[in-house]
Structure formats: C-alpha cells, structure tokens
Amino acid sequence: MDRSPSLDPVWSQRQRPPRLERRLAFAGYPQVRDFLEKLERLCGQRQRYPDLSFGHTYVNLTLYPEQDATDVGKAEEEFAREIDGLL
C-alpha cells in the first residue's frame, strides 16, 4: 500500500488493480445520506463516478484511473481532494 504525499493519509493507494480507496465513518444514516447527495452533485459536475458501498454509518469509496490510464495519477488525486472537501 502506497500513499501519495499530496493526499490525506486516509486514502490508500492499491496496485492490483491500480486504485485509491477510503472509508468514511459517520454518526448515523442522515449524515451518510447528506454526504452521498453532495457526492452525487460533484460526480455529475465532473462526470466521474467512484465505486462505492455504504451502510448505516459508513461509506467506502474506490477511485480507479481514468479510461486508458494504467496507474493512479493527478486526476484521481485531485478528485480525491474534491471528495475530501465535501466533508
């Protein structure tokens, strides 16, 4: 597991396949829902959609490289920082 020095250390970089991952914890479902609504707007603006799973108090996010990219790059790191800004 590697970490980019420019990203919050809660994002983990994985290699097989290349991706960034983060788990977010929330007090309850209303906060999860609020975050997911903000994320939906951001994704619509960016036309970029992470894989996600969520439950009553958490959201798991996975960001894969853009099409034709073979590794996590600046675009993924920038999108991760934008997601962090929603918190």
Protein backbone atom coordinates (compact mmCIF):
# COMPACT_ATOMS: atom_id res chain seq x y z
CA MET A 1 0.00 0.00 0.00
CA ASP A 2 1.45 3.35 -1.06
CA ARG A 3 0.35 6.86 -0.28
CA SER A 4 0.81 9.97 -2.32
CA PRO A 5 2.41 12.74 -0.25
CA SER A 6 -0.14 15.21 -1.64
CA LEU A 7 -3.17 13.22 -0.42
CA ASP A 8 -4.69 12.92 3.01
CA PRO A 9 -3.19 9.75 4.52
CA VAL A 10 -6.65 8.21 4.91
CA TRP A 11 -6.60 7.50 1.16
CA SER A 12 -4.80 4.24 0.39
CA GLN A 13 -3.26 3.56 -2.99
CA ARG A 14 -3.51 -0.06 -4.17
CA GLN A 15 -1.83 -1.64 -7.16
CA ARG A 16 -3.83 -4.66 -8.38
CA PRO A 17 -5.78 -3.11 -9.98
CA PRO A 18 -4.49 0.45 -9.53
CA ARG A 19 -6.89 2.48 -7.38
CA LEU A 20 -7.36 4.82 -4.42
CA GLU A 21 -9.54 3.72 -1.51
CA ARG A 22 -11.02 5.46 1.50
CA ARG A 23 -13.51 4.55 4.22
CA LEU A 24 -15.55 7.35 5.79
CA ALA A 25 -17.29 6.99 9.14
CA PHE A 26 -20.40 8.96 10.08
CA ALA A 27 -22.53 9.34 13.21
CA GLY A 28 -25.63 7.93 11.52
CA TYR A 29 -27.55 7.44 8.32
CA PRO A 30 -28.70 11.08 7.96
CA GLN A 31 -25.04 12.13 7.70
CA VAL A 32 -24.31 9.31 5.22
CA ARG A 33 -27.23 10.41 3.08
CA ASP A 34 -26.14 14.07 3.20
CA PHE A 35 -22.63 13.11 2.09
CA LEU A 36 -23.95 10.89 -0.72
CA GLU A 37 -26.15 13.71 -2.02
CA LYS A 38 -23.15 16.07 -2.09
CA LEU A 39 -21.07 13.38 -3.79
CA GLU A 40 -23.80 12.89 -6.40
CA ARG A 41 -23.66 16.59 -7.33
CA LEU A 42 -19.85 16.55 -7.53
CA CYS A 43 -19.86 13.42 -9.69
CA GLY A 44 -22.41 14.97 -12.02
CA GLN A 45 -20.28 18.08 -12.40
CA ARG A 46 -17.09 16.11 -13.00
CA GLN A 47 -18.73 13.27 -14.98
CA ARG A 48 -16.66 10.90 -12.86
CA TYR A 49 -18.13 8.24 -10.62
CA PRO A 50 -16.32 6.28 -7.91
CA ASP A 51 -17.29 2.78 -6.92
CA LEU A 52 -18.92 2.92 -3.53
CA SER A 53 -20.62 0.90 -0.88
CA PHE A 54 -22.33 2.27 2.19
CA GLY A 55 -24.15 1.28 5.30
CA HIS A 56 -25.81 2.93 8.27
CA THR A 57 -22.64 4.71 9.44
CA TYR A 58 -20.02 4.40 6.68
CA VAL A 59 -19.16 4.95 3.02
CA ASN A 60 -16.39 3.07 1.19
CA LEU A 61 -15.00 4.81 -1.91
CA THR A 62 -12.80 3.42 -4.67
CA LEU A 63 -11.34 5.63 -7.42
CA TYR A 64 -9.93 3.93 -10.49
CA PRO A 65 -7.72 5.65 -13.09
CA GLU A 66 -9.48 7.40 -15.94
CA GLN A 67 -10.02 5.47 -19.16
CA ASP A 68 -6.83 4.48 -20.93
CA ALA A 69 -4.70 5.27 -17.85
CA THR A 70 -2.73 2.41 -16.37
CA ASP A 71 -1.93 3.95 -12.99
CA VAL A 72 -3.37 6.31 -10.39
CA GLY A 73 -2.40 9.84 -11.34
CA LYS A 74 -3.03 13.52 -10.72
CA ALA A 75 -6.65 13.32 -11.92
CA GLU A 76 -7.52 10.71 -9.29
CA GLU A 77 -5.66 12.63 -6.57
CA GLU A 78 -7.48 15.84 -7.49
CA PHE A 79 -10.85 14.08 -7.44
CA ALA A 80 -9.99 12.54 -4.05
CA ARG A 81 -9.20 16.02 -2.68
CA GLU A 82 -12.52 17.32 -4.03
CA ILE A 83 -14.32 14.46 -2.26
CA ASP A 84 -12.46 15.33 0.95
CA GLY A 85 -13.77 18.88 0.54
CA LEU A 86 -17.34 17.59 0.86
CA LEU A 87 -16.71 16.53 4.44
